[in-house]
C-alpha atoms as a PDB file:
ATOM      1  CA  MET A   1      11.227 -15.687 -13.302  1.00  0.00           C
ATOM      2  CA  ILE A   2      10.153 -12.182 -14.394  1.00  0.00           C
ATOM      3  CA  ARG A   3       7.521 -13.581 -16.768  1.00  0.00           C
ATOM      4  CA  SER A   4       6.117 -15.875 -14.116  1.00  0.00           C
ATOM      5  CA  THR A   5       5.926 -13.016 -11.585  1.00  0.00           C
ATOM      6  CA  ALA A   6       4.125 -10.854 -14.137  1.00  0.00           C
ATOM      7  CA  ARG A   7       1.614 -13.616 -14.843  1.00  0.00           C
ATOM      8  CA  LEU A   8       0.935 -13.962 -11.114  1.00  0.00           C
ATOM      9  CA  ALA A   9       0.522 -10.212 -10.678  1.00  0.00           C
ATOM     10  CA  LEU A  10      -1.978  -9.979 -13.538  1.00  0.00           C
ATOM     11  CA  LEU A  11      -4.329 -12.624 -12.160  1.00  0.00           C
ATOM     12  CA  ALA A  12      -7.829 -11.236 -11.735  1.00  0.00           C
ATOM     13  CA  ILE A  13      -9.082 -11.232  -8.160  1.00  0.00           C
ATOM     14  CA  THR A  14     -12.326 -10.516  -6.424  1.00  0.00           C
ATOM     15  CA  LEU A  15     -12.601  -8.890  -3.014  1.00  0.00           C
ATOM     16  CA  PRO A  16     -14.577 -10.634  -0.276  1.00  0.00           C
ATOM     17  CA  ALA A  17     -18.326 -10.279  -0.745  1.00  0.00           C
ATOM     18  CA  MET A  18     -19.459  -7.339   1.350  1.00  0.00           C
ATOM     19  CA  ALA A  19     -21.431  -4.154   0.903  1.00  0.00           C
ATOM     20  CA  ASN A  20     -19.803  -1.592  -1.395  1.00  0.00           C
ATOM     21  CA  ALA A  21     -16.639  -3.674  -1.905  1.00  0.00           C
ATOM     22  CA  PRO A  22     -14.944  -2.629  -5.169  1.00  0.00           C
ATOM     23  CA  ARG A  23     -13.854  -5.097  -7.837  1.00  0.00           C
ATOM     24  CA  LEU A  24     -10.061  -5.194  -8.061  1.00  0.00           C
ATOM     25  CA  SER A  25      -8.265  -7.023 -10.879  1.00  0.00           C
ATOM     26  CA  ALA A  26      -5.110  -7.071 -13.043  1.00  0.00           C
ATOM     27  CA  ILE A  27      -2.902  -6.108 -10.087  1.00  0.00           C
ATOM     28  CA  VAL A  28       0.683  -5.053 -10.848  1.00  0.00           C
ATOM     29  CA  PRO A  29       2.743  -3.833  -7.844  1.00  0.00           C
ATOM     30  CA  VAL A  30       4.831  -0.702  -8.502  1.00  0.00           C
ATOM     31  CA  PRO A  31       8.477  -1.539  -7.718  1.00  0.00           C
ATOM     32  CA  LEU A  32      10.059   1.056  -5.424  1.00  0.00           C
ATOM     33  CA  HIS A  33      13.464   1.450  -3.809  1.00  0.00           C
ATOM     34  CA  ALA A  34      14.952   3.645  -1.108  1.00  0.00           C
ATOM     35  CA  GLY A  35      15.301   7.272  -2.151  1.00  0.00           C
ATOM     36  CA  ILE A  36      13.821   8.919  -5.251  1.00  0.00           C
ATOM     37  CA  ASN A  37      11.732   6.844  -7.666  1.00  0.00           C
ATOM     38  CA  HIS A  38      10.673   8.223 -11.054  1.00  0.00           C
ATOM     39  CA  VAL A  39       7.604   6.235 -12.115  1.00  0.00           C
ATOM     40  CA  PRO A  40       6.455   6.742 -15.737  1.00  0.00           C
ATOM     41  CA  GLY A  41       2.737   6.818 -16.519  1.00  0.00           C
ATOM     42  CA  LEU A  42       1.547   6.760 -12.919  1.00  0.00           C
ATOM     43  CA  LEU A  43      -0.490   9.975 -13.025  1.00  0.00           C
ATOM     44  CA  PRO A  44      -3.729  10.673 -14.912  1.00  0.00           C
ATOM     45  CA  GLY A  45      -2.976  11.432 -18.551  1.00  0.00           C
ATOM     46  CA  GLY A  46       0.080   9.193 -18.512  1.00  0.00           C
ATOM     47  CA  GLN A  47       2.380  11.678 -16.756  1.00  0.00           C
ATOM     48  CA  ALA A  48       5.257  10.484 -14.590  1.00  0.00           C
ATOM     49  CA  ALA A  49       5.270  10.756 -10.812  1.00  0.00           C
ATOM     50  CA  THR A  50       8.116  10.990  -8.346  1.00  0.00           C
ATOM     51  CA  ILE A  51       7.780   8.838  -5.232  1.00  0.00           C
ATOM     52  CA  VAL A  52      10.199   9.509  -2.396  1.00  0.00           C
ATOM     53  CA  GLN A  53      10.720   6.507  -0.124  1.00  0.00           C
ATOM     54  CA  ALA A  54      12.422   7.626   3.085  1.00  0.00           C
ATOM     55  CA  TRP A  55      13.363   5.821   6.274  1.00  0.00           C
ATOM     56  CA  PHE A  56      12.557   7.366   9.651  1.00  0.00           C
ATOM     57  CA  GLU A  57      15.166   6.192  12.145  1.00  0.00           C
ATOM     58  CA  ASN A  58      13.551   6.161  15.570  1.00  0.00           C
ATOM     59  CA  GLY A  59      16.522   5.607  17.855  1.00  0.00           C
ATOM     60  CA  ASN A  60      15.780   2.881  20.401  1.00  0.00           C
ATOM     61  CA  ALA A  61      12.208   2.498  19.075  1.00  0.00           C
ATOM     62  CA  HIS A  62      11.119   0.944  15.803  1.00  0.00           C
ATOM     63  CA  GLY A  63      11.735   2.908  12.592  1.00  0.00           C
ATOM     64  CA  TYR A  64       9.470   2.985   9.563  1.00  0.00           C
ATOM     65  CA  HIS A  65       9.270   3.928   5.885  1.00  0.00           C
ATOM     66  CA  ARG A  66       7.419   7.019   4.724  1.00  0.00           C
ATOM     67  CA  TRP A  67       6.347   7.744   1.163  1.00  0.00           C
ATOM     68  CA  MET A  68       5.735  11.147  -0.445  1.00  0.00           C
ATOM     69  CA  VAL A  69       4.227  11.370  -3.942  1.00  0.00           C
ATOM     70  CA  LEU A  70       5.006  14.348  -6.194  1.00  0.00           C
ATOM     71  CA  ALA A  71       3.497  15.401  -9.526  1.00  0.00           C
ATOM     72  CA  GLY A  72       5.214  17.704 -12.011  1.00  0.00           C
ATOM     73  CA  SER A  73       8.578  17.313 -10.308  1.00  0.00           C
ATOM     74  CA  THR A  74      10.874  17.465 -13.346  1.00  0.00           C
ATOM     75  CA  PRO A  75      14.138  19.445 -13.021  1.00  0.00           C
ATOM     76  CA  GLY A  76      13.413  23.155 -12.738  1.00  0.00           C
ATOM     77  CA  GLN A  77       9.722  22.584 -12.074  1.00  0.00           C
ATOM     78  CA  ARG A  78       8.073  22.845  -8.679  1.00  0.00           C
ATOM     79  CA  GLY A  79       6.805  19.480  -7.462  1.00  0.00           C
ATOM     80  CA  GLN A  80       3.151  19.282  -6.438  1.00  0.00           C
ATOM     81  CA  LEU A  81       2.521  17.157  -3.345  1.00  0.00           C
ATOM     82  CA  VAL A  82      -0.176  14.526  -3.901  1.00  0.00           C
ATOM     83  CA  PRO A  83      -1.797  13.988  -0.466  1.00  0.00           C
ATOM     84  CA  PHE A  84      -3.445  10.908   1.002  1.00  0.00           C
ATOM     85  CA  GLU A  85      -6.981  11.526   2.234  1.00  0.00           C
ATOM     86  CA  GLY A  86      -7.159  11.240   6.021  1.00  0.00           C
ATOM     87  CA  GLU A  87      -3.447  10.494   6.497  1.00  0.00           C
ATOM     88  CA  PRO A  88      -1.349  12.778   8.745  1.00  0.00           C
ATOM     89  CA  GLY A  89       1.163  14.963   6.962  1.00  0.00           C
ATOM     90  CA  ASP A  90      -0.274  14.065   3.520  1.00  0.00           C
ATOM     91  CA  THR A  91       2.181  11.159   3.310  1.00  0.00           C
ATOM     92  CA  ILE A  92       1.766   7.470   4.076  1.00  0.00           C
ATOM     93  CA  SER A  93       3.904   5.194   6.263  1.00  0.00           C
ATOM     94  CA  ASP A  94       4.287   1.557   7.237  1.00  0.00           C
ATOM     95  CA  SER A  95       5.347  -0.153  10.458  1.00  0.00           C
ATOM     96  CA  PRO A  96       7.800  -2.994   9.733  1.00  0.00           C
ATOM     97  CA  PHE A  97       8.432  -3.623  13.466  1.00  0.00           C
ATOM     98  CA  ASP A  98      11.227  -6.253  13.394  1.00  0.00           C
ATOM     99  CA  GLY A  99      10.986  -7.384   9.747  1.00  0.00           C
ATOM    100  CA  GLU A 100       9.607 -10.842  10.566  1.00  0.00           C
ATOM    101  CA  ARG A 101       6.530  -9.411  12.252  1.00  0.00           C
ATOM    102  CA  VAL A 102       5.078  -6.446  10.372  1.00  0.00           C
ATOM    103  CA  ILE A 103       2.417  -4.275  12.009  1.00  0.00           C
ATOM    104  CA  GLY A 104       1.702  -2.071   8.994  1.00  0.00           C
ATOM    105  CA  ALA A 105       2.315  -2.660   5.271  1.00  0.00           C
ATOM    106  CA  VAL A 106       1.989  -0.280   2.297  1.00  0.00           C
ATOM    107  CA  ARG A 107       1.923  -1.251  -1.410  1.00  0.00           C
ATOM    108  CA  PHE A 108       1.657   0.973  -4.498  1.00  0.00           C
ATOM    109  CA  LEU A 109      -0.255  -0.685  -7.339  1.00  0.00           C
ATOM    110  CA  ARG A 110      -1.457  -0.373 -10.890  1.00  0.00           C
ATOM    111  CA  ALA A 111      -4.742  -2.258 -11.223  1.00  0.00           C
ATOM    112  CA  ARG A 112      -8.278  -2.178 -12.542  1.00  0.00           C
ATOM    113  CA  LEU A 113     -10.728  -0.879  -9.959  1.00  0.00           C
ATOM    114  CA  ASP A 114     -14.322  -1.686 -10.888  1.00  0.00           C
ATOM    115  CA  ASP A 115     -12.893  -2.394 -14.378  1.00  0.00           C
ATOM    116  CA  ARG A 116     -11.278   1.067 -14.599  1.00  0.00           C
ATOM    117  CA  PRO A 117      -7.467   1.406 -14.916  1.00  0.00           C
ATOM    118  CA  SER A 118      -6.268   3.008 -11.677  1.00  0.00           C
ATOM    119  CA  THR A 119      -3.260   3.911  -9.590  1.00  0.00           C
ATOM    120  CA  LEU A 120      -3.869   2.592  -6.084  1.00  0.00           C
ATOM    121  CA  VAL A 121      -2.249   2.342  -2.682  1.00  0.00           C
ATOM    122  CA  ALA A 122      -3.237  -0.508  -0.371  1.00  0.00           C
ATOM    123  CA  THR A 123      -2.410  -0.594   3.324  1.00  0.00           C
ATOM    124  CA  ALA A 124      -2.864  -3.214   6.022  1.00  0.00           C
ATOM    125  CA  ARG A 125      -2.520  -2.536   9.735  1.00  0.00           C
ATOM    126  CA  LEU A 126      -2.651  -5.123  12.495  1.00  0.00           C
ATOM    127  CA  ASP A 127      -4.739  -4.382  15.586  1.00  0.00           C
ATOM    128  CA  GLU A 128      -2.585  -2.645  18.199  1.00  0.00           C
ATOM    129  CA  SER A 129      -4.970  -2.793  21.177  1.00  0.00           C
ATOM    130  CA  ASN A 130      -3.160  -2.041  24.414  1.00  0.00           C
ATOM    131  CA  ASP A 131      -3.966  -5.424  25.938  1.00  0.00           C
ATOM    132  CA  ARG A 132      -2.359  -7.395  23.070  1.00  0.00           C
ATOM    133  CA  PRO A 133       1.274  -8.135  22.173  1.00  0.00           C
ATOM    134  CA  LEU A 134       2.351  -6.246  19.036  1.00  0.00           C
ATOM    135  CA  ALA A 135       1.954  -8.112  15.728  1.00  0.00           C
ATOM    136  CA  ASP A 136       0.798 -11.294  17.465  1.00  0.00           C
ATOM    137  CA  HIS A 137      -2.242 -13.074  16.006  1.00  0.00           C
ATOM    138  CA  ALA A 138      -4.072  -9.825  15.286  1.00  0.00           C
ATOM    139  CA  LEU A 139      -6.884  -8.933  12.900  1.00  0.00           C
ATOM    140  CA  ALA A 140      -5.950  -6.552  10.063  1.00  0.00           C
ATOM    141  CA  THR A 141      -7.627  -3.387   8.819  1.00  0.00           C
ATOM    142  CA  ILE A 142      -7.093  -2.996   5.081  1.00  0.00           C
ATOM    143  CA  ARG A 143      -7.561   0.361   3.356  1.00  0.00           C
ATOM    144  CA  LEU A 144      -7.552   1.142  -0.347  1.00  0.00           C
ATOM    145  CA  TYR A 145      -6.767   4.561  -1.855  1.00  0.00           C
ATOM    146  CA  ARG A 146      -7.208   5.629  -5.511  1.00  0.00           C
ATOM    147  CA  LEU A 147      -5.321   8.420  -7.248  1.00  0.00           C
ATOM    148  CA  ALA A 148      -7.943  10.895  -8.483  1.00  0.00           C
ATOM    149  CA  THR A 149      -8.170  14.334 -10.041  1.00  0.00           C
ATOM    150  CA  ASN A 150      -9.895  17.068  -8.082  1.00  0.00           C
ATOM    151  CA  ASP A 151     -12.478  18.599 -10.426  1.00  0.00           C
ATOM    152  CA  ASP A 152     -14.113  21.054  -8.016  1.00  0.00           C
ATOM    153  CA  GLY A 153     -11.133  23.431  -7.940  1.00  0.00           C
ATOM    154  CA  LEU A 154     -10.885  23.302  -4.151  1.00  0.00           C
ATOM    155  CA  GLY A 155      -7.783  21.766  -2.663  1.00  0.00           C
ATOM    156  CA  PRO A 156      -4.934  20.011  -4.485  1.00  0.00           C
ATOM    157  CA  PRO A 157      -5.420  19.041  -8.159  1.00  0.00           C
ATOM    158  CA  LEU A 158      -4.486  15.405  -7.454  1.00  0.00           C
ATOM    159  CA  ARG A 159      -4.996  13.318  -4.348  1.00  0.00           C
ATOM    160  CA  PHE A 160      -5.330   9.736  -3.148  1.00  0.00           C
ATOM    161  CA  VAL A 161      -8.964   9.315  -2.114  1.00  0.00           C
ATOM    162  CA  HIS A 162     -10.063   6.685   0.384  1.00  0.00           C
ATOM    163  CA  VAL A 163     -12.073   4.016  -1.454  1.00  0.00           C
ATOM    164  CA  THR A 164     -12.867   1.371   1.123  1.00  0.00           C
ATOM    165  CA  GLU A 165     -11.900  -0.221   4.429  1.00  0.00           C
ATOM    166  CA  ILE A 166     -12.029  -3.983   4.998  1.00  0.00           C
ATOM    167  CA  GLN A 167     -11.518  -5.987   8.181  1.00  0.00           C
ATOM    168  CA  SER A 168      -9.777  -9.327   7.756  1.00  0.00           C
ATOM    169  CA  GLY A 169     -11.480 -12.452   9.027  1.00  0.00           C
ATOM    170  CA  LYS A 170      -8.139 -14.050   9.939  1.00  0.00           C
ATOM    171  CA  ARG A 171      -5.425 -13.156  12.453  1.00  0.00           C
ATOM    172  CA  TYR A 172      -1.830 -12.445  11.401  1.00  0.00           C
ATOM    173  CA  CYS A 173       1.625 -11.550  12.650  1.00  0.00           C
ATOM    174  CA  ASN A 174       2.627  -9.998   9.312  1.00  0.00           C
ATOM    175  CA  ALA A 175       0.432  -7.424   7.563  1.00  0.00           C
ATOM    176  CA  HIS A 176       1.755  -8.329   4.098  1.00  0.00           C
ATOM    177  CA  LEU A 177      -0.042 -11.667   4.379  1.00  0.00           C
ATOM    178  CA  ALA A 178      -3.345  -9.880   4.996  1.00  0.00           C
ATOM    179  CA  LEU A 179      -2.859  -7.903   1.766  1.00  0.00           C
ATOM    180  CA  ARG A 180      -2.065 -11.116  -0.080  1.00  0.00           C
ATOM    181  CA  ASP A 181      -5.082 -13.001   1.260  1.00  0.00           C
ATOM    182  CA  VAL A 182      -7.686 -10.226   0.989  1.00  0.00           C
ATOM    183  CA  LEU A 183      -6.534  -8.309  -2.097  1.00  0.00           C
ATOM    184  CA  ARG A 184      -4.362 -11.009  -3.719  1.00  0.00           C
ATOM    185  CA  ILE A 185      -1.323  -8.708  -3.824  1.00  0.00           C
ATOM    186  CA  PRO A 186       1.846 -10.807  -4.335  1.00  0.00           C
ATOM    187  CA  LEU A 187       4.232 -10.777  -1.392  1.00  0.00           C
ATOM    188  CA  PRO A 188       7.208  -8.399  -1.736  1.00  0.00           C
ATOM    189  CA  ALA A 189      10.466  -9.951  -2.916  1.00  0.00           C
ATOM    190  CA  ASP A 190      12.094  -9.222   0.452  1.00  0.00           C
ATOM    191  CA  TYR A 191       9.303 -10.795   2.542  1.00  0.00           C
ATOM    192  CA  ALA A 192      10.916 -12.074   5.759  1.00  0.00           C
ATOM    193  CA  GLY A 193       7.964 -13.478   7.712  1.00  0.00           C
ATOM    194  CA  LEU A 194       8.283 -16.617   9.801  1.00  0.00           C
ATOM    195  CA  ASN A 195       5.977 -18.454   7.389  1.00  0.00           C
ATOM    196  CA  LYS A 196       3.598 -17.677   4.524  1.00  0.00           C
ATOM    197  CA  THR A 197       0.423 -18.746   6.311  1.00  0.00           C
ATOM    198  CA  ASP A 198      -0.021 -16.132   9.041  1.00  0.00           C
ATOM    199  CA  GLY A 199       3.568 -15.082   9.833  1.00  0.00           C
ATOM    200  CA  CYS A 200       3.275 -16.307  13.432  1.00  0.00           C
ATOM    201  CA  LEU A 201       5.262 -18.749  15.523  1.00  0.00           C
ATOM    202  CA  PRO A 202       3.492 -22.107  15.943  1.00  0.00           C
ATOM    203  CA  ASP A 203       1.157 -22.205  18.949  1.00  0.00           C
END
């Protein structure tokens, strides 16, 4: 089972043909769990990163996961926050809604971006226009971030830079399916969508 999953994850993929779309291949999702994750070799130079996966309980509203990435966070050493370009609070969050329908999905990846080994984060967010039901046959906006060093000496030494934004051509009720179809990212092991086509109830 593990070997077959690894073979699937390493399949080369090509993004939809569009201007400035990067070439993404050899995708391997980074497995994460609730709490503190120590991930070897994730940072430039082969250094380990710490990824904190926290749950924001929102009372009678819908909760969500939030991820914070730290560099140099070994015991006794001050951790350096690695921010996400354009994201509030320098962290990144999803929107699982009710588990079957997922408004926003986040995946951490190792992959080759334009044939260059990279640490990436991919997100998909379903359209939340006010005149539409949430997570119901909505187009997805997919964003890709790459972990990069900051060579100009201004700002943090490491950050996730925004690489591209892609609009899906298909409507979904689960954002994980948009990531699978557009970027060929395997579905998470705990995927709970209503189906694996669009995640929606039959019309």
